[in-house]
């Protein structure tokens, strides 16, 4: 699925392949002869993301910029399955193995931690609390808070499932119209 972010639209070369279940959002440029495979996520968050030519962004890989740093993938790069690239540059010909994570220098968890915290605070408000759980002893209402911390990975997994379900519904609607 390809999304604009405000006025920023992805620019995808006509020879590039983007799988229907991949997500490309914001100021993203994808070069010639690239393949962005199923479940991959490429998101510009404050800065641009540039993917060179002849690249493969494997299944469930993430390439993301941050408000502080752009993400750039050089020509002929392979980003392995479930690999993550946040706000860094991968040089031409680089091979990023499966499950590998590349973050900007400095605090290695800074961008990831901030992103996870923002997801937690955003989605913690959405967590349902049963009516009987929301009453403290003595009949006073409790604050709407989670009883256990929300794991960022769980939230992201749920979001991905919701996006996949939306895509399936869209495809079914297209078939019905045909």
N, C-alpha and C. Protein backbone atom coordinates (compact mmCIF):
# COMPACT_ATOMS: atom_id res chain seq x y z
N UNK A 1 0.84 -1.16 0.00
CA UNK A 1 0.00 0.00 0.00
C UNK A 1 0.89 1.22 0.00
N UNK A 2 0.50 2.20 -0.77
CA UNK A 2 1.31 3.40 -0.93
C UNK A 2 0.51 4.58 -0.39
N UNK A 3 1.13 5.32 0.54
CA UNK A 3 0.44 6.41 1.21
C UNK A 3 1.20 7.72 1.04
N UNK A 4 0.45 8.81 0.93
CA UNK A 4 1.03 10.14 1.02
C UNK A 4 1.07 10.52 2.49
N UNK A 5 1.95 11.45 2.79
CA UNK A 5 2.00 12.01 4.14
C UNK A 5 1.97 13.51 3.96
N UNK A 6 0.80 14.10 4.15
CA UNK A 6 0.63 15.51 3.84
C UNK A 6 0.81 15.71 2.35
N UNK A 7 1.76 16.55 1.97
CA UNK A 7 2.01 16.80 0.55
C UNK A 7 3.12 15.89 0.01
N UNK A 8 3.72 15.09 0.85
CA UNK A 8 4.83 14.21 0.45
C UNK A 8 4.29 12.90 -0.08
N UNK A 9 4.60 12.61 -1.35
CA UNK A 9 4.17 11.37 -1.98
C UNK A 9 5.38 10.52 -2.34
N UNK A 10 5.27 9.21 -2.21
CA UNK A 10 6.36 8.35 -2.66
C UNK A 10 6.59 8.48 -4.17
N UNK A 11 7.84 8.36 -4.57
CA UNK A 11 8.21 8.35 -5.99
C UNK A 11 8.83 6.98 -6.27
N UNK A 12 8.14 6.18 -7.05
CA UNK A 12 8.57 4.80 -7.31
C UNK A 12 8.84 4.65 -8.80
N UNK A 13 10.05 4.24 -9.14
CA UNK A 13 10.41 4.06 -10.54
C UNK A 13 9.49 3.03 -11.19
N UNK A 14 9.17 3.24 -12.44
CA UNK A 14 8.22 2.36 -13.15
C UNK A 14 8.70 0.91 -13.25
N UNK A 15 10.02 0.68 -13.16
CA UNK A 15 10.52 -0.69 -13.24
C UNK A 15 10.62 -1.37 -11.88
N UNK A 16 10.31 -0.65 -10.82
CA UNK A 16 10.39 -1.22 -9.46
C UNK A 16 9.12 -2.02 -9.16
N UNK A 17 9.26 -3.05 -8.33
CA UNK A 17 8.13 -3.85 -7.89
C UNK A 17 7.89 -3.60 -6.41
N UNK A 18 6.65 -3.25 -6.06
CA UNK A 18 6.27 -3.10 -4.66
C UNK A 18 5.12 -4.08 -4.42
N UNK A 19 5.34 -5.04 -3.55
CA UNK A 19 4.32 -6.05 -3.24
C UNK A 19 3.07 -5.38 -2.68
N UNK A 20 1.90 -5.96 -2.95
CA UNK A 20 0.65 -5.36 -2.48
C UNK A 20 0.57 -5.24 -0.96
N UNK A 21 1.26 -6.09 -0.23
CA UNK A 21 1.19 -6.03 1.23
C UNK A 21 2.32 -5.19 1.83
N UNK A 22 3.17 -4.62 1.01
CA UNK A 22 4.22 -3.72 1.50
C UNK A 22 3.60 -2.36 1.78
N UNK A 23 4.25 -1.58 2.64
CA UNK A 23 3.78 -0.23 2.95
C UNK A 23 4.89 0.74 2.61
N UNK A 24 4.55 1.74 1.80
CA UNK A 24 5.48 2.81 1.44
C UNK A 24 4.75 4.11 1.75
N UNK A 25 5.35 4.95 2.61
CA UNK A 25 4.63 6.13 3.08
C UNK A 25 5.53 7.34 3.16
N UNK A 26 5.03 8.46 2.64
CA UNK A 26 5.71 9.74 2.77
C UNK A 26 6.73 10.01 1.69
N UNK A 27 7.73 10.80 2.03
CA UNK A 27 8.75 11.25 1.08
C UNK A 27 9.78 10.13 0.85
N UNK A 28 9.36 9.13 0.06
CA UNK A 28 10.18 7.95 -0.22
C UNK A 28 10.46 7.92 -1.72
N UNK A 29 11.71 7.67 -2.08
CA UNK A 29 12.09 7.49 -3.48
C UNK A 29 12.64 6.08 -3.63
N UNK A 30 12.09 5.32 -4.58
CA UNK A 30 12.54 3.96 -4.85
C UNK A 30 13.04 3.93 -6.29
N UNK A 31 14.31 3.50 -6.47
CA UNK A 31 14.96 3.53 -7.77
C UNK A 31 14.57 2.38 -8.69
N UNK A 32 15.22 2.37 -9.84
CA UNK A 32 14.94 1.39 -10.91
C UNK A 32 15.29 -0.03 -10.48
N UNK A 33 14.49 -0.96 -10.97
CA UNK A 33 14.73 -2.41 -10.81
C UNK A 33 14.79 -2.87 -9.36
N UNK A 34 14.10 -2.18 -8.47
CA UNK A 34 14.05 -2.58 -7.07
C UNK A 34 12.89 -3.54 -6.84
N UNK A 35 13.00 -4.31 -5.76
CA UNK A 35 11.90 -5.18 -5.33
C UNK A 35 11.68 -4.92 -3.85
N UNK A 36 10.46 -4.51 -3.52
CA UNK A 36 10.06 -4.31 -2.13
C UNK A 36 9.05 -5.43 -1.87
N UNK A 37 9.44 -6.40 -1.06
CA UNK A 37 8.68 -7.64 -0.93
C UNK A 37 7.60 -7.55 0.15
N UNK A 38 6.82 -8.63 0.25
CA UNK A 38 5.64 -8.66 1.12
C UNK A 38 5.96 -8.31 2.57
N UNK A 39 5.14 -7.42 3.12
CA UNK A 39 5.27 -7.04 4.52
C UNK A 39 6.35 -6.02 4.81
N UNK A 40 7.12 -5.62 3.80
CA UNK A 40 8.16 -4.61 4.02
C UNK A 40 7.49 -3.28 4.33
N UNK A 41 8.16 -2.46 5.14
CA UNK A 41 7.64 -1.15 5.51
C UNK A 41 8.74 -0.12 5.26
N UNK A 42 8.42 0.88 4.43
CA UNK A 42 9.36 1.97 4.14
C UNK A 42 8.61 3.26 4.46
N UNK A 43 9.06 3.97 5.51
CA UNK A 43 8.33 5.13 6.01
C UNK A 43 9.27 6.31 6.20
N UNK A 44 8.89 7.45 5.63
CA UNK A 44 9.62 8.70 5.87
C UNK A 44 8.95 9.40 7.04
N UNK A 45 9.67 9.51 8.13
CA UNK A 45 9.15 10.16 9.34
C UNK A 45 9.96 11.41 9.63
N UNK A 46 9.66 12.49 8.94
CA UNK A 46 10.35 13.75 9.18
C UNK A 46 11.48 14.04 8.20
N UNK A 47 12.13 13.03 7.69
CA UNK A 47 13.17 13.17 6.68
C UNK A 47 12.89 12.17 5.57
N UNK A 48 13.56 12.35 4.45
CA UNK A 48 13.33 11.50 3.28
C UNK A 48 13.96 10.12 3.46
N UNK A 49 13.42 9.16 2.71
CA UNK A 49 14.01 7.83 2.58
C UNK A 49 14.31 7.65 1.09
N UNK A 50 15.55 7.28 0.78
CA UNK A 50 15.95 7.07 -0.61
C UNK A 50 16.47 5.66 -0.76
N UNK A 51 15.87 4.91 -1.69
CA UNK A 51 16.32 3.56 -2.02
C UNK A 51 16.93 3.65 -3.42
N UNK A 52 18.18 3.25 -3.57
CA UNK A 52 18.86 3.32 -4.87
C UNK A 52 18.28 2.32 -5.87
N UNK A 53 19.00 2.09 -6.95
CA UNK A 53 18.54 1.14 -7.97
C UNK A 53 19.03 -0.27 -7.66
N UNK A 54 18.34 -1.25 -8.23
CA UNK A 54 18.72 -2.66 -8.13
C UNK A 54 18.80 -3.16 -6.69
N UNK A 55 17.88 -2.72 -5.84
CA UNK A 55 17.86 -3.12 -4.42
C UNK A 55 16.74 -4.11 -4.16
N UNK A 56 16.91 -4.89 -3.10
CA UNK A 56 15.86 -5.78 -2.62
C UNK A 56 15.63 -5.44 -1.15
N UNK A 57 14.39 -5.09 -0.85
CA UNK A 57 13.97 -4.89 0.54
C UNK A 57 13.11 -6.11 0.84
N UNK A 58 13.66 -7.04 1.60
CA UNK A 58 13.04 -8.36 1.80
C UNK A 58 11.79 -8.31 2.66
N UNK A 59 11.18 -9.47 2.80
CA UNK A 59 9.94 -9.63 3.55
C UNK A 59 10.10 -9.09 4.97
N UNK A 60 9.15 -8.25 5.37
CA UNK A 60 9.03 -7.71 6.72
C UNK A 60 10.22 -6.86 7.16
N UNK A 61 11.02 -6.38 6.22
CA UNK A 61 12.10 -5.46 6.55
C UNK A 61 11.51 -4.07 6.76
N UNK A 62 12.21 -3.25 7.55
CA UNK A 62 11.76 -1.89 7.82
C UNK A 62 12.89 -0.94 7.46
N UNK A 63 12.58 0.08 6.65
CA UNK A 63 13.52 1.16 6.35
C UNK A 63 12.78 2.44 6.70
N UNK A 64 13.35 3.22 7.63
CA UNK A 64 12.62 4.36 8.18
C UNK A 64 13.58 5.50 8.46
N UNK A 65 13.14 6.72 8.15
CA UNK A 65 13.90 7.90 8.57
C UNK A 65 13.36 8.33 9.93
N UNK A 66 14.04 9.29 10.52
CA UNK A 66 13.56 9.87 11.78
C UNK A 66 13.50 11.38 11.58
N UNK A 67 12.90 12.10 12.50
CA UNK A 67 12.92 13.56 12.37
C UNK A 67 14.34 14.13 12.37
N UNK A 68 15.30 13.38 12.95
CA UNK A 68 16.68 13.86 13.03
C UNK A 68 17.58 13.34 11.91
N UNK A 69 17.18 12.26 11.21
CA UNK A 69 18.09 11.65 10.25
C UNK A 69 17.34 11.00 9.09
N UNK A 70 17.84 11.24 7.88
CA UNK A 70 17.30 10.58 6.70
C UNK A 70 17.80 9.14 6.66
N UNK A 71 17.14 8.32 5.85
CA UNK A 71 17.61 6.94 5.63
C UNK A 71 17.91 6.82 4.14
N UNK A 72 19.09 6.26 3.84
CA UNK A 72 19.49 6.10 2.44
C UNK A 72 20.03 4.70 2.24
N UNK A 73 19.51 4.04 1.20
CA UNK A 73 19.96 2.71 0.82
C UNK A 73 20.61 2.88 -0.55
N UNK A 74 21.91 2.58 -0.66
CA UNK A 74 22.64 2.75 -1.91
C UNK A 74 22.18 1.78 -2.99
N UNK A 75 22.84 1.81 -4.13
CA UNK A 75 22.53 0.92 -5.26
C UNK A 75 22.97 -0.51 -4.96
N UNK A 76 22.19 -1.48 -5.43
CA UNK A 76 22.56 -2.88 -5.32
C UNK A 76 22.58 -3.43 -3.91
N UNK A 77 21.76 -2.89 -3.04
CA UNK A 77 21.75 -3.29 -1.63
C UNK A 77 20.67 -4.36 -1.40
N UNK A 78 20.98 -5.32 -0.55
CA UNK A 78 20.01 -6.32 -0.10
C UNK A 78 19.76 -6.10 1.38
N UNK A 79 18.51 -5.80 1.73
CA UNK A 79 18.09 -5.69 3.13
C UNK A 79 17.33 -6.98 3.42
N UNK A 80 17.89 -7.81 4.28
CA UNK A 80 17.36 -9.14 4.54
C UNK A 80 16.02 -9.14 5.25
N UNK A 81 15.36 -10.31 5.30
CA UNK A 81 14.07 -10.43 5.97
C UNK A 81 14.14 -10.00 7.44
N UNK A 82 13.16 -9.23 7.86
CA UNK A 82 13.02 -8.76 9.23
C UNK A 82 14.16 -7.84 9.67
N UNK A 83 14.96 -7.35 8.75
CA UNK A 83 16.02 -6.40 9.09
C UNK A 83 15.41 -5.01 9.27
N UNK A 84 16.10 -4.16 10.04
CA UNK A 84 15.60 -2.82 10.32
C UNK A 84 16.70 -1.80 10.09
N UNK A 85 16.35 -0.76 9.33
CA UNK A 85 17.27 0.34 9.04
C UNK A 85 16.55 1.61 9.47
N UNK A 86 17.08 2.31 10.48
CA UNK A 86 16.44 3.53 10.96
C UNK A 86 17.44 4.66 10.94
N UNK A 87 17.22 5.62 10.04
CA UNK A 87 18.00 6.86 10.02
C UNK A 87 19.47 6.71 9.73
N UNK A 88 19.86 5.74 8.90
CA UNK A 88 21.27 5.57 8.54
C UNK A 88 21.40 5.38 7.03
N UNK A 89 22.65 5.36 6.55
CA UNK A 89 22.96 5.12 5.14
C UNK A 89 23.60 3.75 4.99
N UNK A 90 23.09 2.96 4.05
CA UNK A 90 23.74 1.70 3.66
C UNK A 90 24.45 1.96 2.34
N UNK A 91 25.75 1.70 2.30
CA UNK A 91 26.56 1.98 1.11
C UNK A 91 26.19 1.05 -0.05
N UNK A 92 26.56 1.45 -1.26
CA UNK A 92 26.32 0.63 -2.46
C UNK A 92 26.82 -0.79 -2.24
N UNK A 93 26.03 -1.76 -2.64
CA UNK A 93 26.42 -3.16 -2.57
C UNK A 93 26.33 -3.80 -1.19
N UNK A 94 25.84 -3.08 -0.20
CA UNK A 94 25.77 -3.62 1.17
C UNK A 94 24.80 -4.80 1.23
N UNK A 95 25.07 -5.72 2.13
CA UNK A 95 24.20 -6.87 2.40
C UNK A 95 23.87 -6.85 3.88
N UNK A 96 22.61 -6.60 4.20
CA UNK A 96 22.18 -6.57 5.59
C UNK A 96 21.48 -7.88 5.89
N UNK A 97 22.05 -8.73 6.75
CA UNK A 97 21.48 -10.05 6.99
C UNK A 97 20.10 -9.98 7.65
N UNK A 98 19.41 -11.10 7.63
CA UNK A 98 18.09 -11.21 8.28
C UNK A 98 18.20 -10.81 9.74
N UNK A 99 17.19 -10.10 10.21
CA UNK A 99 17.05 -9.69 11.62
C UNK A 99 18.09 -8.68 12.09
N UNK A 100 18.94 -8.19 11.22
CA UNK A 100 19.96 -7.21 11.59
C UNK A 100 19.29 -5.85 11.81
N UNK A 101 19.85 -5.04 12.73
CA UNK A 101 19.32 -3.72 13.01
C UNK A 101 20.44 -2.71 12.85
N UNK A 102 20.17 -1.63 12.09
CA UNK A 102 21.13 -0.53 11.94
C UNK A 102 20.46 0.75 12.40
N UNK A 103 21.09 1.40 13.41
CA UNK A 103 20.57 2.62 13.98
C UNK A 103 21.64 3.70 13.89
N UNK A 104 21.26 4.98 14.04
CA UNK A 104 22.26 6.05 14.02
C UNK A 104 23.25 5.90 15.17
N UNK A 105 24.45 6.47 15.03
CA UNK A 105 25.43 6.40 16.12
C UNK A 105 24.93 7.15 17.35
N UNK A 106 25.56 6.89 18.47
CA UNK A 106 25.13 7.51 19.72
C UNK A 106 24.35 6.50 20.53
N UNK A 107 23.32 6.96 21.19
CA UNK A 107 22.47 6.06 21.97
C UNK A 107 21.83 5.07 21.02
N UNK A 108 22.24 3.78 21.04
CA UNK A 108 21.75 2.84 20.04
C UNK A 108 20.24 2.59 20.12
N UNK A 109 19.63 2.91 21.25
CA UNK A 109 18.20 2.67 21.38
C UNK A 109 17.39 3.95 21.33
N UNK A 110 18.04 5.09 21.16
CA UNK A 110 17.34 6.38 21.16
C UNK A 110 16.14 6.44 20.23
N UNK A 111 16.32 6.31 18.91
CA UNK A 111 15.18 6.43 18.01
C UNK A 111 14.14 5.33 18.24
N UNK A 112 14.60 4.12 18.49
CA UNK A 112 13.68 3.01 18.69
C UNK A 112 12.90 3.19 19.98
N UNK A 113 13.59 3.59 21.04
CA UNK A 113 12.93 3.78 22.32
C UNK A 113 11.89 4.89 22.23
N UNK A 114 12.24 6.01 21.59
CA UNK A 114 11.29 7.12 21.46
C UNK A 114 10.07 6.69 20.66
N UNK A 115 10.29 5.93 19.59
CA UNK A 115 9.18 5.46 18.76
C UNK A 115 8.30 4.50 19.56
N UNK A 116 8.92 3.58 20.28
CA UNK A 116 8.15 2.62 21.08
C UNK A 116 7.35 3.35 22.16
N UNK A 117 7.96 4.35 22.80
CA UNK A 117 7.24 5.10 23.83
C UNK A 117 6.06 5.86 23.25
N UNK A 118 6.24 6.43 22.05
CA UNK A 118 5.11 7.14 21.44
C UNK A 118 4.00 6.17 21.07
N UNK A 119 4.35 4.96 20.60
CA UNK A 119 3.33 3.96 20.31
C UNK A 119 2.60 3.55 21.59
N UNK A 120 3.35 3.33 22.65
CA UNK A 120 2.73 2.94 23.92
C UNK A 120 1.75 3.99 24.39
N UNK A 121 2.16 5.25 24.38
CA UNK A 121 1.28 6.30 24.90
C UNK A 121 0.05 6.47 24.00
N UNK A 122 0.23 6.33 22.70
CA UNK A 122 -0.89 6.46 21.77
C UNK A 122 -1.88 5.32 21.94
N UNK A 123 -1.38 4.09 21.99
CA UNK A 123 -2.27 2.93 22.02
C UNK A 123 -2.72 2.53 23.42
N UNK A 124 -2.06 3.02 24.45
CA UNK A 124 -2.50 2.72 25.81
C UNK A 124 -3.88 3.31 26.05
N UNK A 125 -4.17 4.43 25.42
CA UNK A 125 -5.48 5.06 25.56
C UNK A 125 -6.57 4.21 24.90
N UNK A 126 -6.20 3.40 23.91
CA UNK A 126 -7.16 2.59 23.18
C UNK A 126 -7.45 1.26 23.85
N UNK A 127 -6.67 0.89 24.87
CA UNK A 127 -6.83 -0.43 25.48
C UNK A 127 -8.15 -0.50 26.24
N UNK A 128 -8.97 -1.49 25.94
CA UNK A 128 -10.25 -1.59 26.64
C UNK A 128 -10.06 -2.06 28.08
N UNK A 129 -10.87 -1.54 28.94
CA UNK A 129 -10.88 -1.96 30.34
C UNK A 129 -12.32 -2.33 30.66
N UNK A 130 -12.52 -3.52 31.17
CA UNK A 130 -13.87 -3.97 31.51
C UNK A 130 -14.45 -3.08 32.60
N UNK A 131 -15.77 -2.89 32.56
CA UNK A 131 -16.43 -1.98 33.50
C UNK A 131 -16.14 -2.36 34.94
N UNK A 132 -16.16 -3.67 35.26
CA UNK A 132 -15.93 -4.09 36.64
C UNK A 132 -14.48 -3.86 37.07
N UNK A 133 -13.55 -3.80 36.12
CA UNK A 133 -12.15 -3.55 36.45
C UNK A 133 -11.88 -2.07 36.67
N UNK A 134 -12.81 -1.21 36.24
CA UNK A 134 -12.59 0.22 36.32
C UNK A 134 -13.16 0.82 37.60
N UNK A 135 -13.58 -0.02 38.54
CA UNK A 135 -14.12 0.47 39.79
C UNK A 135 -13.19 0.01 40.92
N UNK A 136 -12.69 0.99 41.65
CA UNK A 136 -11.79 0.70 42.77
C UNK A 136 -12.62 0.25 43.97
N UNK A 137 -12.00 -0.42 44.94
CA UNK A 137 -12.73 -0.77 46.17
C UNK A 137 -13.36 0.49 46.76
N UNK A 138 -14.60 0.38 47.21
CA UNK A 138 -15.32 1.53 47.74
C UNK A 138 -16.19 2.20 46.70
N UNK A 139 -16.16 1.70 45.45
CA UNK A 139 -17.04 2.20 44.41
C UNK A 139 -16.51 3.38 43.62
N UNK A 140 -15.31 3.89 43.92
CA UNK A 140 -14.77 5.02 43.17
C UNK A 140 -14.21 4.54 41.84
N UNK A 141 -14.41 5.38 40.79
CA UNK A 141 -13.87 5.03 39.46
C UNK A 141 -12.36 5.22 39.45
N UNK A 142 -11.66 4.28 38.83
CA UNK A 142 -10.21 4.40 38.67
C UNK A 142 -9.90 5.17 37.40
N UNK A 143 -8.68 5.66 37.34
CA UNK A 143 -8.20 6.25 36.09
C UNK A 143 -8.14 5.15 35.04
N UNK A 144 -8.35 5.51 33.77
CA UNK A 144 -8.22 4.54 32.69
C UNK A 144 -6.74 4.32 32.42
N UNK A 145 -6.18 3.31 33.03
CA UNK A 145 -4.77 2.98 32.82
C UNK A 145 -4.65 1.50 32.54
N UNK A 146 -3.56 1.15 31.89
CA UNK A 146 -3.30 -0.26 31.63
C UNK A 146 -2.77 -0.91 32.89
N UNK A 147 -3.10 -2.18 33.06
CA UNK A 147 -2.62 -2.91 34.22
C UNK A 147 -1.22 -3.47 34.00
N UNK A 148 -0.80 -3.58 32.75
CA UNK A 148 0.53 -4.07 32.42
C UNK A 148 1.06 -3.22 31.27
N UNK A 149 2.38 -3.05 31.17
CA UNK A 149 2.90 -2.25 30.06
C UNK A 149 2.63 -2.93 28.72
N UNK A 150 2.41 -2.13 27.71
CA UNK A 150 2.17 -2.64 26.37
C UNK A 150 3.52 -2.80 25.69
N UNK A 151 3.77 -3.96 25.15
CA UNK A 151 5.01 -4.19 24.42
C UNK A 151 4.89 -3.56 23.04
N UNK A 152 5.89 -2.77 22.62
CA UNK A 152 5.84 -2.09 21.33
C UNK A 152 5.74 -3.10 20.19
N UNK A 153 6.46 -4.22 20.29
CA UNK A 153 6.40 -5.22 19.23
C UNK A 153 4.98 -5.74 19.06
N UNK A 154 4.27 -5.94 20.16
CA UNK A 154 2.90 -6.43 20.09
C UNK A 154 2.01 -5.40 19.40
N UNK A 155 2.17 -4.14 19.74
CA UNK A 155 1.37 -3.09 19.12
C UNK A 155 1.64 -3.03 17.63
N UNK A 156 2.91 -3.08 17.24
CA UNK A 156 3.26 -3.03 15.83
C UNK A 156 2.71 -4.26 15.10
N UNK A 157 2.79 -5.44 15.71
CA UNK A 157 2.23 -6.64 15.09
C UNK A 157 0.74 -6.50 14.87
N UNK A 158 0.03 -5.96 15.85
CA UNK A 158 -1.42 -5.77 15.72
C UNK A 158 -1.70 -4.77 14.61
N UNK A 159 -0.92 -3.69 14.56
CA UNK A 159 -1.12 -2.71 13.50
C UNK A 159 -0.91 -3.32 12.12
N UNK A 160 0.12 -4.16 11.98
CA UNK A 160 0.39 -4.81 10.70
C UNK A 160 -0.77 -5.73 10.32
N UNK A 161 -1.31 -6.48 11.27
CA UNK A 161 -2.45 -7.35 10.99
C UNK A 161 -3.66 -6.54 10.56
N UNK A 162 -3.89 -5.41 11.22
CA UNK A 162 -5.01 -4.55 10.83
C UNK A 162 -4.82 -4.02 9.42
N UNK A 163 -3.60 -3.63 9.07
CA UNK A 163 -3.33 -3.14 7.71
C UNK A 163 -3.54 -4.24 6.68
N UNK A 164 -3.10 -5.45 6.99
CA UNK A 164 -3.30 -6.56 6.07
C UNK A 164 -4.79 -6.86 5.89
N UNK A 165 -5.55 -6.80 6.98
CA UNK A 165 -6.98 -7.03 6.90
C UNK A 165 -7.66 -5.96 6.05
N UNK A 166 -7.24 -4.70 6.21
CA UNK A 166 -7.79 -3.62 5.40
C UNK A 166 -7.50 -3.85 3.93
N UNK A 167 -6.30 -4.31 3.62
CA UNK A 167 -5.93 -4.58 2.23
C UNK A 167 -6.80 -5.69 1.65
N UNK A 168 -7.03 -6.76 2.42
CA UNK A 168 -7.89 -7.85 1.95
C UNK A 168 -9.31 -7.35 1.69
N UNK A 169 -9.83 -6.52 2.57
CA UNK A 169 -11.17 -5.96 2.37
C UNK A 169 -11.24 -5.11 1.11
N UNK A 170 -10.18 -4.33 0.88
CA UNK A 170 -10.13 -3.49 -0.32
C UNK A 170 -10.12 -4.35 -1.58
N UNK A 171 -9.33 -5.41 -1.57
CA UNK A 171 -9.27 -6.31 -2.72
C UNK A 171 -10.62 -6.99 -2.96
N UNK A 172 -11.30 -7.41 -1.89
CA UNK A 172 -12.62 -8.04 -2.02
C UNK A 172 -13.62 -7.05 -2.60
N UNK A 173 -13.56 -5.80 -2.17
CA UNK A 173 -14.46 -4.77 -2.70
C UNK A 173 -14.20 -4.54 -4.17
N UNK A 174 -12.94 -4.55 -4.58
CA UNK A 174 -12.61 -4.40 -6.00
C UNK A 174 -13.19 -5.54 -6.83
N UNK A 175 -13.08 -6.78 -6.30
CA UNK A 175 -13.61 -7.94 -7.01
C UNK A 175 -15.11 -7.84 -7.16
N UNK A 176 -15.82 -7.38 -6.12
CA UNK A 176 -17.26 -7.25 -6.17
C UNK A 176 -17.70 -6.22 -7.20
N UNK A 177 -16.92 -5.15 -7.36
CA UNK A 177 -17.25 -4.11 -8.33
C UNK A 177 -17.05 -4.57 -9.76
N UNK A 178 -16.14 -5.55 -9.93
CA UNK A 178 -15.82 -6.01 -11.30
C UNK A 178 -16.93 -6.83 -11.89
